[in-house]
């Protein structure tokens, strides 16, 4: 019984010393520092063929990388991120 009490006490004490705390910073980018919001760009769900038909060939292509495969097409004023063949995000360049 004495060993059980000592074991429980050790677990309680070591648990308090090893508690984990998570910190995160929040990045806020003012609208004026972002790209032109009125500019047409690919929307989520478009496929690669539709993007190329509407916006032309990209200046450069990176990927696919990872699993699921992510591919990046870079245009003059924005970059398009694809998962498999579908747009998942578009980022405007400043």
PDB file of N, CA and C in Angstrom:
ATOM      1  N   UNK A   1       0.818  -1.194   0.000  1.00  0.00           N
ATOM      2  CA  UNK A   1       0.000   0.000   0.000  1.00  0.00           C
ATOM      3  C   UNK A   1       0.861   1.257   0.000  1.00  0.00           C
ATOM      4  N   UNK A   2       1.954   1.191   0.754  1.00  0.00           N
ATOM      5  CA  UNK A   2       2.861   2.332   0.848  1.00  0.00           C
ATOM      6  C   UNK A   2       3.496   2.632  -0.520  1.00  0.00           C
ATOM      7  N   UNK A   3       3.867   1.557  -1.251  1.00  0.00           N
ATOM      8  CA  UNK A   3       4.448   1.727  -2.596  1.00  0.00           C
ATOM      9  C   UNK A   3       3.462   2.375  -3.551  1.00  0.00           C
ATOM     10  N   UNK A   4       2.193   1.996  -3.457  1.00  0.00           N
ATOM     11  CA  UNK A   4       1.154   2.563  -4.313  1.00  0.00           C
ATOM     12  C   UNK A   4       1.011   4.063  -4.062  1.00  0.00           C
ATOM     13  N   UNK A   5       1.025   4.471  -2.824  1.00  0.00           N
ATOM     14  CA  UNK A   5       0.913   5.893  -2.480  1.00  0.00           C
ATOM     15  C   UNK A   5       2.109   6.673  -3.000  1.00  0.00           C
ATOM     16  N   UNK A   6       3.300   6.112  -2.847  1.00  0.00           N
ATOM     17  CA  UNK A   6       4.507   6.774  -3.353  1.00  0.00           C
ATOM     18  C   UNK A   6       4.465   6.856  -4.876  1.00  0.00           C
ATOM     19  N   UNK A   7       4.019   5.795  -5.543  1.00  0.00           N
ATOM     20  CA  UNK A   7       3.913   5.800  -7.006  1.00  0.00           C
ATOM     21  C   UNK A   7       2.938   6.858  -7.500  1.00  0.00           C
ATOM     22  N   UNK A   8       1.778   6.963  -6.844  1.00  0.00           N
ATOM     23  CA  UNK A   8       0.789   7.981  -7.230  1.00  0.00           C
ATOM     24  C   UNK A   8       1.338   9.371  -7.017  1.00  0.00           C
ATOM     25  N   UNK A   9       2.024   9.583  -5.898  1.00  0.00           N
ATOM     26  CA  UNK A   9       2.609  10.884  -5.605  1.00  0.00           C
ATOM     27  C   UNK A   9       3.645  11.257  -6.666  1.00  0.00           C
ATOM     28  N   UNK A  10       4.465  10.289  -7.073  1.00  0.00           N
ATOM     29  CA  UNK A  10       5.473  10.545  -8.112  1.00  0.00           C
ATOM     30  C   UNK A  10       4.812  10.922  -9.435  1.00  0.00           C
ATOM     31  N   UNK A  11       3.754  10.225  -9.802  1.00  0.00           N
ATOM     32  CA  UNK A  11       3.052  10.544 -11.043  1.00  0.00           C
ATOM     33  C   UNK A  11       2.455  11.940 -11.013  1.00  0.00           C
ATOM     34  N   UNK A  12       1.894  12.310  -9.894  1.00  0.00           N
ATOM     35  CA  UNK A  12       1.289  13.637  -9.765  1.00  0.00           C
ATOM     36  C   UNK A  12       2.360  14.716  -9.867  1.00  0.00           C
ATOM     37  N   UNK A  13       3.480  14.509  -9.171  1.00  0.00           N
ATOM     38  CA  UNK A  13       4.548  15.517  -9.180  1.00  0.00           C
ATOM     39  C   UNK A  13       5.210  15.632 -10.548  1.00  0.00           C
ATOM     40  N   UNK A  14       5.506  14.518 -11.199  1.00  0.00           N
ATOM     41  CA  UNK A  14       6.159  14.585 -12.509  1.00  0.00           C
ATOM     42  C   UNK A  14       5.211  15.149 -13.556  1.00  0.00           C
ATOM     43  N   UNK A  15       3.928  14.887 -13.433  1.00  0.00           N
ATOM     44  CA  UNK A  15       2.953  15.429 -14.373  1.00  0.00           C
ATOM     45  C   UNK A  15       2.905  16.939 -14.322  1.00  0.00           C
ATOM     46  N   UNK A  16       3.039  17.509 -13.123  1.00  0.00           N
ATOM     47  CA  UNK A  16       2.992  18.965 -13.003  1.00  0.00           C
ATOM     48  C   UNK A  16       4.253  19.601 -13.554  1.00  0.00           C
ATOM     49  N   UNK A  17       5.383  18.904 -13.481  1.00  0.00           N
ATOM     50  CA  UNK A  17       6.624  19.461 -14.009  1.00  0.00           C
ATOM     51  C   UNK A  17       6.695  19.379 -15.527  1.00  0.00           C
ATOM     52  N   UNK A  18       5.974  18.445 -16.125  1.00  0.00           N
ATOM     53  CA  UNK A  18       6.052  18.240 -17.560  1.00  0.00           C
ATOM     54  C   UNK A  18       4.801  18.729 -18.292  1.00  0.00           C
ATOM     55  N   UNK A  19       4.046  19.597 -17.687  1.00  0.00           N
ATOM     56  CA  UNK A  19       2.860  20.102 -18.381  1.00  0.00           C
ATOM     57  C   UNK A  19       3.305  20.908 -19.593  1.00  0.00           C
ATOM     58  N   UNK A  20       2.535  20.834 -20.635  1.00  0.00           N
ATOM     59  CA  UNK A  20       2.891  21.504 -21.877  1.00  0.00           C
ATOM     60  C   UNK A  20       2.054  22.752 -22.062  1.00  0.00           C
ATOM     61  N   UNK A  21       2.724  23.821 -22.500  1.00  0.00           N
ATOM     62  CA  UNK A  21       2.049  25.062 -22.806  1.00  0.00           C
ATOM     63  C   UNK A  21       2.338  25.396 -24.253  1.00  0.00           C
ATOM     64  N   UNK A  22       1.325  25.811 -24.971  1.00  0.00           N
ATOM     65  CA  UNK A  22       1.475  26.141 -26.381  1.00  0.00           C
ATOM     66  C   UNK A  22       1.290  27.639 -26.567  1.00  0.00           C
ATOM     67  N   UNK A  23       2.194  28.240 -27.322  1.00  0.00           N
ATOM     68  CA  UNK A  23       2.114  29.653 -27.631  1.00  0.00           C
ATOM     69  C   UNK A  23       2.050  29.822 -29.142  1.00  0.00           C
ATOM     70  N   UNK A  24       1.317  30.812 -29.594  1.00  0.00           N
ATOM     71  CA  UNK A  24       1.227  31.080 -31.032  1.00  0.00           C
ATOM     72  C   UNK A  24       1.163  32.581 -31.261  1.00  0.00           C
ATOM     73  N   UNK A  25       1.762  33.019 -32.341  1.00  0.00           N
ATOM     74  CA  UNK A  25       1.674  34.418 -32.750  1.00  0.00           C
ATOM     75  C   UNK A  25       0.622  34.542 -33.827  1.00  0.00           C
ATOM     76  N   UNK A  26      -0.051  35.660 -33.858  1.00  0.00           N
ATOM     77  CA  UNK A  26      -1.056  35.914 -34.880  1.00  0.00           C
ATOM     78  C   UNK A  26      -0.496  36.965 -35.823  1.00  0.00           C
ATOM     79  N   UNK A  27      -0.458  36.633 -37.109  1.00  0.00           N
ATOM     80  CA  UNK A  27       0.052  37.550 -38.119  1.00  0.00           C
ATOM     81  C   UNK A  27      -1.120  38.251 -38.782  1.00  0.00           C
ATOM     82  N   UNK A  28      -1.117  39.564 -38.730  1.00  0.00           N
ATOM     83  CA  UNK A  28      -2.170  40.340 -39.377  1.00  0.00           C
ATOM     84  C   UNK A  28      -1.525  41.192 -40.459  1.00  0.00           C
ATOM     85  N   UNK A  29      -2.048  41.069 -41.686  1.00  0.00           N
ATOM     86  CA  UNK A  29      -1.538  41.832 -42.819  1.00  0.00           C
ATOM     87  C   UNK A  29      -2.598  42.838 -43.223  1.00  0.00           C
ATOM     88  N   UNK A  30      -2.295  44.127 -43.121  1.00  0.00           N
ATOM     89  CA  UNK A  30      -3.284  45.131 -43.507  1.00  0.00           C
ATOM     90  C   UNK A  30      -3.701  44.972 -44.963  1.00  0.00           C
ATOM     91  N   UNK A  31      -4.957  45.289 -45.261  1.00  0.00           N
ATOM     92  CA  UNK A  31      -5.482  45.145 -46.623  1.00  0.00           C
ATOM     93  C   UNK A  31      -4.623  45.899 -47.633  1.00  0.00           C
ATOM     94  N   UNK A  32      -4.132  47.069 -47.281  1.00  0.00           N
ATOM     95  CA  UNK A  32      -3.309  47.867 -48.196  1.00  0.00           C
ATOM     96  C   UNK A  32      -2.005  47.204 -48.577  1.00  0.00           C
ATOM     97  N   UNK A  33      -1.546  46.259 -47.777  1.00  0.00           N
ATOM     98  CA  UNK A  33      -0.283  45.568 -48.057  1.00  0.00           C
ATOM     99  C   UNK A  33      -0.500  44.280 -48.829  1.00  0.00           C
ATOM    100  N   UNK A  34      -1.740  43.883 -49.053  1.00  0.00           N
ATOM    101  CA  UNK A  34      -2.038  42.687 -49.812  1.00  0.00           C
ATOM    102  C   UNK A  34      -2.152  43.055 -51.288  1.00  0.00           C
ATOM    103  N   UNK A  35      -2.276  42.058 -52.136  1.00  0.00           N
ATOM    104  CA  UNK A  35      -2.435  42.300 -53.562  1.00  0.00           C
ATOM    105  C   UNK A  35      -3.791  42.914 -53.871  1.00  0.00           C
ATOM    106  N   UNK A  36      -4.005  43.246 -55.129  1.00  0.00           N
ATOM    107  CA  UNK A  36      -5.245  43.871 -55.597  1.00  0.00           C
ATOM    108  C   UNK A  36      -6.408  42.885 -55.448  1.00  0.00           C
ATOM    109  N   UNK A  37      -7.296  43.156 -54.494  1.00  0.00           N
ATOM    110  CA  UNK A  37      -8.405  42.265 -54.189  1.00  0.00           C
ATOM    111  C   UNK A  37      -9.443  42.195 -55.307  1.00  0.00           C
ATOM    112  N   UNK A  38      -9.475  43.206 -56.181  1.00  0.00           N
ATOM    113  CA  UNK A  38     -10.473  43.218 -57.257  1.00  0.00           C
ATOM    114  C   UNK A  38     -10.033  42.395 -58.461  1.00  0.00           C
ATOM    115  N   UNK A  39      -8.799  41.955 -58.473  1.00  0.00           N
ATOM    116  CA  UNK A  39      -8.257  41.194 -59.604  1.00  0.00           C
ATOM    117  C   UNK A  39      -8.897  39.813 -59.697  1.00  0.00           C
ATOM    118  N   UNK A  40      -9.217  39.396 -60.907  1.00  0.00           N
ATOM    119  CA  UNK A  40      -9.754  38.047 -61.106  1.00  0.00           C
ATOM    120  C   UNK A  40      -8.654  37.029 -60.856  1.00  0.00           C
ATOM    121  N   UNK A  41      -9.044  35.946 -60.236  1.00  0.00           N
ATOM    122  CA  UNK A  41      -8.100  34.868 -59.951  1.00  0.00           C
ATOM    123  C   UNK A  41      -8.882  33.562 -59.848  1.00  0.00           C
ATOM    124  N   UNK A  42      -8.201  32.425 -59.934  1.00  0.00           N
ATOM    125  CA  UNK A  42      -8.890  31.138 -59.848  1.00  0.00           C
ATOM    126  C   UNK A  42      -9.604  30.973 -58.509  1.00  0.00           C
ATOM    127  N   UNK A  43     -10.723  30.281 -58.548  1.00  0.00           N
ATOM    128  CA  UNK A  43     -11.482  30.023 -57.329  1.00  0.00           C
ATOM    129  C   UNK A  43     -11.304  28.561 -56.925  1.00  0.00           C
ATOM    130  N   UNK A  44     -11.529  28.287 -55.649  1.00  0.00           N
ATOM    131  CA  UNK A  44     -11.404  26.919 -55.137  1.00  0.00           C
ATOM    132  C   UNK A  44     -12.316  25.981 -55.915  1.00  0.00           C
ATOM    133  N   UNK A  45     -11.766  24.816 -56.249  1.00  0.00           N
ATOM    134  CA  UNK A  45     -12.539  23.804 -56.949  1.00  0.00           C
ATOM    135  C   UNK A  45     -12.315  23.777 -58.455  1.00  0.00           C
ATOM    136  N   UNK A  46     -11.736  24.860 -59.014  1.00  0.00           N
ATOM    137  CA  UNK A  46     -11.433  24.837 -60.455  1.00  0.00           C
ATOM    138  C   UNK A  46     -10.358  23.783 -60.704  1.00  0.00           C
ATOM    139  N   UNK A  47     -10.415  23.149 -61.880  1.00  0.00           N
ATOM    140  CA  UNK A  47      -9.365  22.181 -62.193  1.00  0.00           C
ATOM    141  C   UNK A  47      -8.258  22.856 -63.013  1.00  0.00           C
ATOM    142  N   UNK A  48      -7.157  22.144 -63.204  1.00  0.00           N
ATOM    143  CA  UNK A  48      -6.000  22.712 -63.895  1.00  0.00           C
ATOM    144  C   UNK A  48      -6.335  23.147 -65.316  1.00  0.00           C
ATOM    145  N   UNK A  49      -7.156  22.362 -66.005  1.00  0.00           N
ATOM    146  CA  UNK A  49      -7.521  22.720 -67.383  1.00  0.00           C
ATOM    147  C   UNK A  49      -8.300  24.026 -67.434  1.00  0.00           C
ATOM    148  N   UNK A  50      -9.231  24.220 -66.507  1.00  0.00           N
ATOM    149  CA  UNK A  50     -10.030  25.446 -66.473  1.00  0.00           C
ATOM    150  C   UNK A  50      -9.163  26.653 -66.121  1.00  0.00           C
ATOM    151  N   UNK A  51      -8.220  26.477 -65.200  1.00  0.00           N
ATOM    152  CA  UNK A  51      -7.320  27.575 -64.827  1.00  0.00           C
ATOM    153  C   UNK A  51      -6.463  27.976 -66.017  1.00  0.00           C
ATOM    154  N   UNK A  52      -5.891  27.002 -66.696  1.00  0.00           N
ATOM    155  CA  UNK A  52      -5.038  27.314 -67.844  1.00  0.00           C
ATOM    156  C   UNK A  52      -5.842  27.925 -68.987  1.00  0.00           C
ATOM    157  N   UNK A  53      -7.070  27.473 -69.195  1.00  0.00           N
ATOM    158  CA  UNK A  53      -7.911  28.026 -70.253  1.00  0.00           C
ATOM    159  C   UNK A  53      -8.263  29.488 -69.967  1.00  0.00           C
ATOM    160  N   UNK A  54      -8.508  29.820 -68.704  1.00  0.00           N
ATOM    161  CA  UNK A  54      -8.931  31.179 -68.346  1.00  0.00           C
ATOM    162  C   UNK A  54      -7.768  32.143 -68.128  1.00  0.00           C
ATOM    163  N   UNK A  55      -6.657  31.653 -67.548  1.00  0.00           N
ATOM    164  CA  UNK A  55      -5.558  32.543 -67.166  1.00  0.00           C
ATOM    165  C   UNK A  55      -4.270  32.308 -67.953  1.00  0.00           C
ATOM    166  N   UNK A  56      -4.269  31.334 -68.837  1.00  0.00           N
ATOM    167  CA  UNK A  56      -3.084  31.038 -69.636  1.00  0.00           C
ATOM    168  C   UNK A  56      -2.118  30.136 -68.892  1.00  0.00           C
ATOM    169  N   UNK A  57      -1.000  29.873 -69.540  1.00  0.00           N
ATOM    170  CA  UNK A  57       0.019  29.006 -68.944  1.00  0.00           C
ATOM    171  C   UNK A  57       0.711  29.745 -67.800  1.00  0.00           C
ATOM    172  N   UNK A  58       1.049  29.049 -66.721  1.00  0.00           N
ATOM    173  CA  UNK A  58       1.747  29.694 -65.607  1.00  0.00           C
ATOM    174  C   UNK A  58       3.184  30.042 -65.974  1.00  0.00           C
ATOM    175  N   UNK A  59       3.761  31.020 -65.261  1.00  0.00           N
ATOM    176  CA  UNK A  59       5.167  31.371 -65.465  1.00  0.00           C
ATOM    177  C   UNK A  59       6.077  30.241 -64.992  1.00  0.00           C
ATOM    178  N   UNK A  60       5.668  29.575 -63.896  1.00  0.00           N
ATOM    179  CA  UNK A  60       6.444  28.443 -63.392  1.00  0.00           C
ATOM    180  C   UNK A  60       5.516  27.477 -62.666  1.00  0.00           C
ATOM    181  N   UNK A  61       5.968  26.234 -62.587  1.00  0.00           N
ATOM    182  CA  UNK A  61       5.213  25.176 -61.907  1.00  0.00           C
ATOM    183  C   UNK A  61       6.153  24.506 -60.911  1.00  0.00           C
ATOM    184  N   UNK A  62       5.661  24.313 -59.673  1.00  0.00           N
ATOM    185  CA  UNK A  62       6.448  23.630 -58.653  1.00  0.00           C
ATOM    186  C   UNK A  62       5.643  22.438 -58.155  1.00  0.00           C
ATOM    187  N   UNK A  63       6.276  21.283 -58.106  1.00  0.00           N
ATOM    188  CA  UNK A  63       5.609  20.104 -57.577  1.00  0.00           C
ATOM    189  C   UNK A  63       5.189  19.158 -58.670  1.00  0.00           C
ATOM    190  N   UNK A  64       4.392  18.197 -58.328  1.00  0.00           N
ATOM    191  CA  UNK A  64       3.691  17.960 -57.071  1.00  0.00           C
ATOM    192  C   UNK A  64       4.631  17.477 -55.972  1.00  0.00           C
ATOM    193  N   UNK A  65       4.301  17.891 -54.738  1.00  0.00           N
ATOM    194  CA  UNK A  65       5.094  17.544 -53.561  1.00  0.00           C
ATOM    195  C   UNK A  65       4.165  16.994 -52.485  1.00  0.00           C
ATOM    196  N   UNK A  66       4.574  15.913 -51.826  1.00  0.00           N
ATOM    197  CA  UNK A  66       3.862  15.387 -50.667  1.00  0.00           C
ATOM    198  C   UNK A  66       2.715  14.463 -50.990  1.00  0.00           C
ATOM    199  N   UNK A  67       1.985  14.147 -49.927  1.00  0.00           N
ATOM    200  CA  UNK A  67       0.828  13.269 -50.040  1.00  0.00           C
ATOM    201  C   UNK A  67      -0.275  13.797 -49.135  1.00  0.00           C
ATOM    202  N   UNK A  68      -1.331  14.364 -49.623  1.00  0.00           N
ATOM    203  CA  UNK A  68      -1.707  14.421 -51.028  1.00  0.00           C
ATOM    204  C   UNK A  68      -0.769  15.357 -51.792  1.00  0.00           C
ATOM    205  N   UNK A  69      -0.627  15.128 -53.085  1.00  0.00           N
ATOM    206  CA  UNK A  69       0.294  15.938 -53.879  1.00  0.00           C
ATOM    207  C   UNK A  69      -0.209  17.380 -54.025  1.00  0.00           C
ATOM    208  N   UNK A  70       0.651  18.325 -53.652  1.00  0.00           N
ATOM    209  CA  UNK A  70       0.344  19.748 -53.780  1.00  0.00           C
ATOM    210  C   UNK A  70       1.237  20.326 -54.872  1.00  0.00           C
ATOM    211  N   UNK A  71       0.627  21.062 -55.783  1.00  0.00           N
ATOM    212  CA  UNK A  71       1.342  21.676 -56.894  1.00  0.00           C
ATOM    213  C   UNK A  71       1.079  23.180 -56.859  1.00  0.00           C
ATOM    214  N   UNK A  72       2.097  23.978 -57.179  1.00  0.00           N
ATOM    215  CA  UNK A  72       1.964  25.429 -57.189  1.00  0.00           C
ATOM    216  C   UNK A  72       2.225  25.952 -58.594  1.00  0.00           C
ATOM    217  N   UNK A  73       1.282  26.745 -59.083  1.00  0.00           N
ATOM    218  CA  UNK A  73       1.463  27.446 -60.351  1.00  0.00           C
ATOM    219  C   UNK A  73       1.645  28.913 -60.023  1.00  0.00           C
ATOM    220  N   UNK A  74       2.720  29.502 -60.533  1.00  0.00           N
ATOM    221  CA  UNK A  74       2.990  30.909 -60.263  1.00  0.00           C
ATOM    222  C   UNK A  74       2.685  31.743 -61.506  1.00  0.00           C
ATOM    223  N   UNK A  75       1.853  32.755 -61.312  1.00  0.00           N
ATOM    224  CA  UNK A  75       1.540  33.744 -62.335  1.00  0.00           C
ATOM    225  C   UNK A  75       2.152  35.067 -61.898  1.00  0.00           C
ATOM    226  N   UNK A  76       2.065  36.077 -62.740  1.00  0.00           N
ATOM    227  CA  UNK A  76       2.674  37.374 -62.447  1.00  0.00           C
ATOM    228  C   UNK A  76       2.132  37.975 -61.151  1.00  0.00           C
ATOM    229  N   UNK A  77       0.825  37.936 -60.931  1.00  0.00           N
ATOM    230  CA  UNK A  77       0.242  38.627 -59.786  1.00  0.00           C
ATOM    231  C   UNK A  77      -0.368  37.699 -58.729  1.00  0.00           C
ATOM    232  N   UNK A  78      -0.316  36.388 -58.933  1.00  0.00           N
ATOM    233  CA  UNK A  78      -0.841  35.457 -57.924  1.00  0.00           C
ATOM    234  C   UNK A  78      -0.227  34.077 -58.112  1.00  0.00           C
ATOM    235  N   UNK A  79      -0.336  33.279 -57.067  1.00  0.00           N
ATOM    236  CA  UNK A  79       0.067  31.871 -57.124  1.00  0.00           C
ATOM    237  C   UNK A  79      -1.151  31.016 -56.817  1.00  0.00           C
ATOM    238  N   UNK A  80      -1.241  29.880 -57.491  1.00  0.00           N
ATOM    239  CA  UNK A  80      -2.377  28.979 -57.331  1.00  0.00           C
ATOM    240  C   UNK A  80      -1.863  27.654 -56.776  1.00  0.00           C
ATOM    241  N   UNK A  81      -2.526  27.162 -55.726  1.00  0.00           N
ATOM    242  CA  UNK A  81      -2.158  25.897 -55.102  1.00  0.00           C
ATOM    243  C   UNK A  81      -3.212  24.848 -55.433  1.00  0.00           C
ATOM    244  N   UNK A  82      -2.743  23.726 -55.960  1.00  0.00           N
ATOM    245  CA  UNK A  82      -3.623  22.627 -56.360  1.00  0.00           C
ATOM    246  C   UNK A  82      -3.370  21.418 -55.463  1.00  0.00           C
ATOM    247  N   UNK A  83      -4.437  20.723 -55.111  1.00  0.00           N
ATOM    248  CA  UNK A  83      -4.337  19.395 -54.506  1.00  0.00           C
ATOM    249  C   UNK A  83      -4.875  18.450 -55.554  1.00  0.00           C
ATOM    250  N   UNK A  84      -4.045  17.547 -56.000  1.00  0.00           N
ATOM    251  CA  UNK A  84      -4.326  16.740 -57.182  1.00  0.00           C
ATOM    252  C   UNK A  84      -4.559  17.715 -58.340  1.00  0.00           C
ATOM    253  N   UNK A  85      -5.724  17.794 -58.898  1.00  0.00           N
ATOM    254  CA  UNK A  85      -5.995  18.664 -60.047  1.00  0.00           C
ATOM    255  C   UNK A  85      -6.914  19.838 -59.706  1.00  0.00           C
ATOM    256  N   UNK A  86      -7.232  20.033 -58.423  1.00  0.00           N
ATOM    257  CA  UNK A  86      -8.205  21.057 -58.042  1.00  0.00           C
ATOM    258  C   UNK A  86      -7.568  22.188 -57.238  1.00  0.00           C
ATOM    259  N   UNK A  87      -8.007  23.429 -57.489  1.00  0.00           N
ATOM    260  CA  UNK A  87      -7.517  24.597 -56.761  1.00  0.00           C
ATOM    261  C   UNK A  87      -7.962  24.499 -55.304  1.00  0.00           C
ATOM    262  N   UNK A  88      -7.018  24.669 -54.384  1.00  0.00           N
ATOM    263  CA  UNK A  88      -7.363  24.703 -52.964  1.00  0.00           C
ATOM    264  C   UNK A  88      -7.113  26.085 -52.366  1.00  0.00           C
ATOM    265  N   UNK A  89      -6.286  26.918 -53.048  1.00  0.00           N
ATOM    266  CA  UNK A  89      -6.006  28.252 -52.515  1.00  0.00           C
ATOM    267  C   UNK A  89      -5.335  29.102 -53.592  1.00  0.00           C
ATOM    268  N   UNK A  90      -5.624  30.385 -53.571  1.00  0.00           N
ATOM    269  CA  UNK A  90      -4.954  31.334 -54.453  1.00  0.00           C
ATOM    270  C   UNK A  90      -4.414  32.475 -53.600  1.00  0.00           C
ATOM    271  N   UNK A  91      -3.152  32.841 -53.802  1.00  0.00           N
ATOM    272  CA  UNK A  91      -2.520  33.896 -53.025  1.00  0.00           C
ATOM    273  C   UNK A  91      -2.103  35.020 -53.964  1.00  0.00           C
ATOM    274  N   UNK A  92      -2.565  36.233 -53.656  1.00  0.00           N
ATOM    275  CA  UNK A  92      -2.190  37.408 -54.446  1.00  0.00           C
ATOM    276  C   UNK A  92      -0.792  37.851 -54.073  1.00  0.00           C
ATOM    277  N   UNK A  93      -0.022  38.296 -55.053  1.00  0.00           N
ATOM    278  CA  UNK A  93       1.311  38.855 -54.790  1.00  0.00           C
ATOM    279  C   UNK A  93       1.157  40.344 -54.531  1.00  0.00           C
ATOM    280  N   UNK A  94       2.037  40.874 -53.750  1.00  0.00           N
ATOM    281  CA  UNK A  94       2.002  42.304 -53.448  1.00  0.00           C
ATOM    282  C   UNK A  94       2.433  43.103 -54.661  1.00  0.00           C
TER     283      UNK A  94
END
